[in-house]
Amino acid sequence: MTTNLDVYAHLVDAVRDTFIENNKGTKIKSNDTFKDLGLDSLDMLSMIWNIEAEFNIVIPDEVIHVDNTLKEASETIFCLILNSK
Protein backbone atom coordinates (compact mmCIF):
# COMPACT_ATOMS: atom_id res chain seq x y z
CA MET A 1 0.00 0.00 0.00
CA THR A 2 1.28 3.44 -0.93
CA THR A 3 1.64 5.87 1.99
CA ASN A 4 1.73 9.65 2.10
CA LEU A 5 5.43 9.33 2.91
CA ASP A 6 5.97 7.30 -0.29
CA VAL A 7 4.29 10.04 -2.31
CA TYR A 8 6.36 12.76 -0.62
CA ALA A 9 9.58 10.84 -1.29
CA HIS A 10 8.60 10.43 -4.93
CA LEU A 11 7.95 14.18 -5.24
CA VAL A 12 11.32 15.00 -3.71
CA ASP A 13 12.99 12.62 -6.16
CA ALA A 14 11.05 14.18 -9.04
CA VAL A 15 12.31 17.71 -8.31
CA ARG A 16 15.79 16.87 -7.02
CA ASP A 17 17.62 16.77 -10.38
CA THR A 18 16.31 20.13 -11.56
CA PHE A 19 16.61 21.75 -8.15
CA ILE A 20 20.06 20.45 -7.24
CA GLU A 21 21.43 21.47 -10.61
CA ASN A 22 20.51 25.10 -9.95
CA ASN A 23 20.88 25.25 -6.15
CA LYS A 24 23.75 23.06 -4.99
CA GLY A 25 23.97 22.66 -1.22
CA THR A 26 20.42 23.76 -0.45
CA LYS A 27 18.12 21.29 1.31
CA ILE A 28 14.65 20.56 -0.02
CA LYS A 29 12.03 21.13 2.68
CA SER A 30 8.39 20.11 2.87
CA ASN A 31 7.25 23.75 2.98
CA ASP A 32 9.15 24.67 -0.21
CA THR A 33 6.92 25.47 -3.16
CA PHE A 34 7.70 24.11 -6.60
CA LYS A 35 8.40 27.71 -7.63
CA ASP A 36 10.89 28.06 -4.74
CA LEU A 37 12.64 25.00 -6.11
CA GLY A 38 12.96 26.50 -9.57
CA LEU A 39 10.34 24.44 -11.39
CA ASP A 40 8.44 26.12 -14.20
CA SER A 41 5.22 25.04 -15.88
CA LEU A 42 6.97 22.63 -18.25
CA ASP A 43 8.82 20.99 -15.36
CA MET A 44 5.48 20.67 -13.57
CA LEU A 45 3.83 18.98 -16.55
CA SER A 46 6.63 16.47 -16.84
CA MET A 47 6.56 15.75 -13.12
CA ILE A 48 2.76 15.35 -13.09
CA TRP A 49 2.85 12.96 -16.07
CA ASN A 50 5.48 10.85 -14.29
CA ILE A 51 3.48 10.77 -11.06
CA GLU A 52 0.30 9.84 -12.93
CA ALA A 53 2.12 6.95 -14.61
CA GLU A 54 3.84 5.84 -11.38
CA PHE A 55 0.66 5.77 -9.28
CA ASN A 56 -1.87 5.05 -12.05
CA ILE A 57 -3.95 8.16 -11.32
CA VAL A 58 -5.16 11.25 -13.16
CA ILE A 59 -4.23 14.61 -11.63
CA PRO A 60 -6.62 17.36 -12.78
CA ASP A 61 -4.86 20.46 -14.15
CA GLU A 62 -6.08 22.78 -11.43
CA VAL A 63 -5.02 20.55 -8.52
CA ILE A 64 -1.22 20.87 -8.50
CA HIS A 65 0.54 24.12 -9.42
CA VAL A 66 3.89 25.86 -8.86
CA ASP A 67 2.65 27.64 -5.72
CA ASN A 68 1.88 24.36 -3.90
CA THR A 69 4.31 23.21 -1.23
CA LEU A 70 5.71 19.71 -1.49
CA LYS A 71 3.65 18.77 1.57
CA GLU A 72 0.41 20.11 0.05
CA ALA A 73 1.07 18.36 -3.23
CA SER A 74 1.93 15.03 -1.61
CA GLU A 75 -1.23 15.15 0.53
CA THR A 76 -3.35 15.95 -2.54
CA ILE A 77 -1.78 13.19 -4.61
CA PHE A 78 -2.17 10.71 -1.75
CA CYS A 79 -5.91 11.54 -1.55
CA LEU A 80 -6.20 10.99 -5.31
CA ILE A 81 -4.48 7.61 -4.93
CA LEU A 82 -6.85 6.58 -2.12
CA ASN A 83 -9.91 7.70 -4.11
CA SER A 84 -8.79 5.78 -7.20
CA LYS A 85 -8.97 2.41 -5.45
C-alpha atoms as a PDB file:
ATOM      1  CA  MET A   1       0.000   0.000   0.000  1.00  0.00           C
ATOM      2  CA  THR A   2       1.284   3.437  -0.927  1.00  0.00           C
ATOM      3  CA  THR A   3       1.641   5.868   1.988  1.00  0.00           C
ATOM      4  CA  ASN A   4       1.728   9.651   2.099  1.00  0.00           C
ATOM      5  CA  LEU A   5       5.434   9.335   2.910  1.00  0.00           C
ATOM      6  CA  ASP A   6       5.967   7.299  -0.291  1.00  0.00           C
ATOM      7  CA  VAL A   7       4.287  10.045  -2.311  1.00  0.00           C
ATOM      8  CA  TYR A   8       6.358  12.762  -0.618  1.00  0.00           C
ATOM      9  CA  ALA A   9       9.584  10.838  -1.285  1.00  0.00           C
ATOM     10  CA  HIS A  10       8.599  10.427  -4.927  1.00  0.00           C
ATOM     11  CA  LEU A  11       7.953  14.181  -5.236  1.00  0.00           C
ATOM     12  CA  VAL A  12      11.322  15.004  -3.708  1.00  0.00           C
ATOM     13  CA  ASP A  13      12.989  12.623  -6.157  1.00  0.00           C
ATOM     14  CA  ALA A  14      11.051  14.175  -9.035  1.00  0.00           C
ATOM     15  CA  VAL A  15      12.311  17.709  -8.308  1.00  0.00           C
ATOM     16  CA  ARG A  16      15.793  16.865  -7.017  1.00  0.00           C
ATOM     17  CA  ASP A  17      17.618  16.770 -10.375  1.00  0.00           C
ATOM     18  CA  THR A  18      16.308  20.134 -11.563  1.00  0.00           C
ATOM     19  CA  PHE A  19      16.607  21.754  -8.153  1.00  0.00           C
ATOM     20  CA  ILE A  20      20.062  20.451  -7.236  1.00  0.00           C
ATOM     21  CA  GLU A  21      21.426  21.465 -10.615  1.00  0.00           C
ATOM     22  CA  ASN A  22      20.510  25.103  -9.950  1.00  0.00           C
ATOM     23  CA  ASN A  23      20.883  25.251  -6.148  1.00  0.00           C
ATOM     24  CA  LYS A  24      23.755  23.060  -4.992  1.00  0.00           C
ATOM     25  CA  GLY A  25      23.975  22.657  -1.219  1.00  0.00           C
ATOM     26  CA  THR A  26      20.417  23.759  -0.447  1.00  0.00           C
ATOM     27  CA  LYS A  27      18.116  21.292   1.315  1.00  0.00           C
ATOM     28  CA  ILE A  28      14.648  20.557  -0.023  1.00  0.00           C
ATOM     29  CA  LYS A  29      12.032  21.135   2.681  1.00  0.00           C
ATOM     30  CA  SER A  30       8.386  20.110   2.871  1.00  0.00           C
ATOM     31  CA  ASN A  31       7.246  23.747   2.980  1.00  0.00           C
ATOM     32  CA  ASP A  32       9.154  24.665  -0.214  1.00  0.00           C
ATOM     33  CA  THR A  33       6.925  25.469  -3.162  1.00  0.00           C
ATOM     34  CA  PHE A  34       7.701  24.113  -6.595  1.00  0.00           C
ATOM     35  CA  LYS A  35       8.396  27.706  -7.627  1.00  0.00           C
ATOM     36  CA  ASP A  36      10.893  28.063  -4.741  1.00  0.00           C
ATOM     37  CA  LEU A  37      12.636  24.995  -6.111  1.00  0.00           C
ATOM     38  CA  GLY A  38      12.962  26.503  -9.575  1.00  0.00           C
ATOM     39  CA  LEU A  39      10.341  24.440 -11.389  1.00  0.00           C
ATOM     40  CA  ASP A  40       8.439  26.116 -14.197  1.00  0.00           C
ATOM     41  CA  SER A  41       5.215  25.041 -15.880  1.00  0.00           C
ATOM     42  CA  LEU A  42       6.973  22.631 -18.255  1.00  0.00           C
ATOM     43  CA  ASP A  43       8.820  20.993 -15.364  1.00  0.00           C
ATOM     44  CA  MET A  44       5.485  20.672 -13.567  1.00  0.00           C
ATOM     45  CA  LEU A  45       3.826  18.977 -16.551  1.00  0.00           C
ATOM     46  CA  SER A  46       6.634  16.472 -16.839  1.00  0.00           C
ATOM     47  CA  MET A  47       6.559  15.753 -13.117  1.00  0.00           C
ATOM     48  CA  ILE A  48       2.763  15.349 -13.094  1.00  0.00           C
ATOM     49  CA  TRP A  49       2.854  12.960 -16.067  1.00  0.00           C
ATOM     50  CA  ASN A  50       5.477  10.854 -14.294  1.00  0.00           C
ATOM     51  CA  ILE A  51       3.483  10.765 -11.063  1.00  0.00           C
ATOM     52  CA  GLU A  52       0.300   9.835 -12.934  1.00  0.00           C
ATOM     53  CA  ALA A  53       2.119   6.951 -14.605  1.00  0.00           C
ATOM     54  CA  GLU A  54       3.840   5.836 -11.384  1.00  0.00           C
ATOM     55  CA  PHE A  55       0.664   5.772  -9.276  1.00  0.00           C
ATOM     56  CA  ASN A  56      -1.869   5.046 -12.051  1.00  0.00           C
ATOM     57  CA  ILE A  57      -3.953   8.156 -11.315  1.00  0.00           C
ATOM     58  CA  VAL A  58      -5.163  11.247 -13.156  1.00  0.00           C
ATOM     59  CA  ILE A  59      -4.235  14.610 -11.629  1.00  0.00           C
ATOM     60  CA  PRO A  60      -6.616  17.356 -12.785  1.00  0.00           C
ATOM     61  CA  ASP A  61      -4.864  20.458 -14.154  1.00  0.00           C
ATOM     62  CA  GLU A  62      -6.077  22.783 -11.429  1.00  0.00           C
ATOM     63  CA  VAL A  63      -5.023  20.547  -8.520  1.00  0.00           C
ATOM     64  CA  ILE A  64      -1.219  20.874  -8.500  1.00  0.00           C
ATOM     65  CA  HIS A  65       0.541  24.117  -9.419  1.00  0.00           C
ATOM     66  CA  VAL A  66       3.892  25.861  -8.859  1.00  0.00           C
ATOM     67  CA  ASP A  67       2.651  27.638  -5.716  1.00  0.00           C
ATOM     68  CA  ASN A  68       1.884  24.357  -3.897  1.00  0.00           C
ATOM     69  CA  THR A  69       4.312  23.210  -1.234  1.00  0.00           C
ATOM     70  CA  LEU A  70       5.711  19.713  -1.489  1.00  0.00           C
ATOM     71  CA  LYS A  71       3.651  18.774   1.569  1.00  0.00           C
ATOM     72  CA  GLU A  72       0.408  20.112   0.054  1.00  0.00           C
ATOM     73  CA  ALA A  73       1.073  18.361  -3.233  1.00  0.00           C
ATOM     74  CA  SER A  74       1.928  15.027  -1.607  1.00  0.00           C
ATOM     75  CA  GLU A  75      -1.234  15.148   0.525  1.00  0.00           C
ATOM     76  CA  THR A  76      -3.353  15.952  -2.541  1.00  0.00           C
ATOM     77  CA  ILE A  77      -1.778  13.191  -4.608  1.00  0.00           C
ATOM     78  CA  PHE A  78      -2.170  10.709  -1.745  1.00  0.00           C
ATOM     79  CA  CYS A  79      -5.905  11.541  -1.553  1.00  0.00           C
ATOM     80  CA  LEU A  80      -6.198  10.988  -5.314  1.00  0.00           C
ATOM     81  CA  ILE A  81      -4.484   7.609  -4.925  1.00  0.00           C
ATOM     82  CA  LEU A  82      -6.853   6.582  -2.116  1.00  0.00           C
ATOM     83  CA  ASN A  83      -9.908   7.699  -4.105  1.00  0.00           C
ATOM     84  CA  SER A  84      -8.794   5.784  -7.199  1.00  0.00           C
ATOM     85  CA  LYS A  85      -8.973   2.411  -5.446  1.00  0.00           C
END
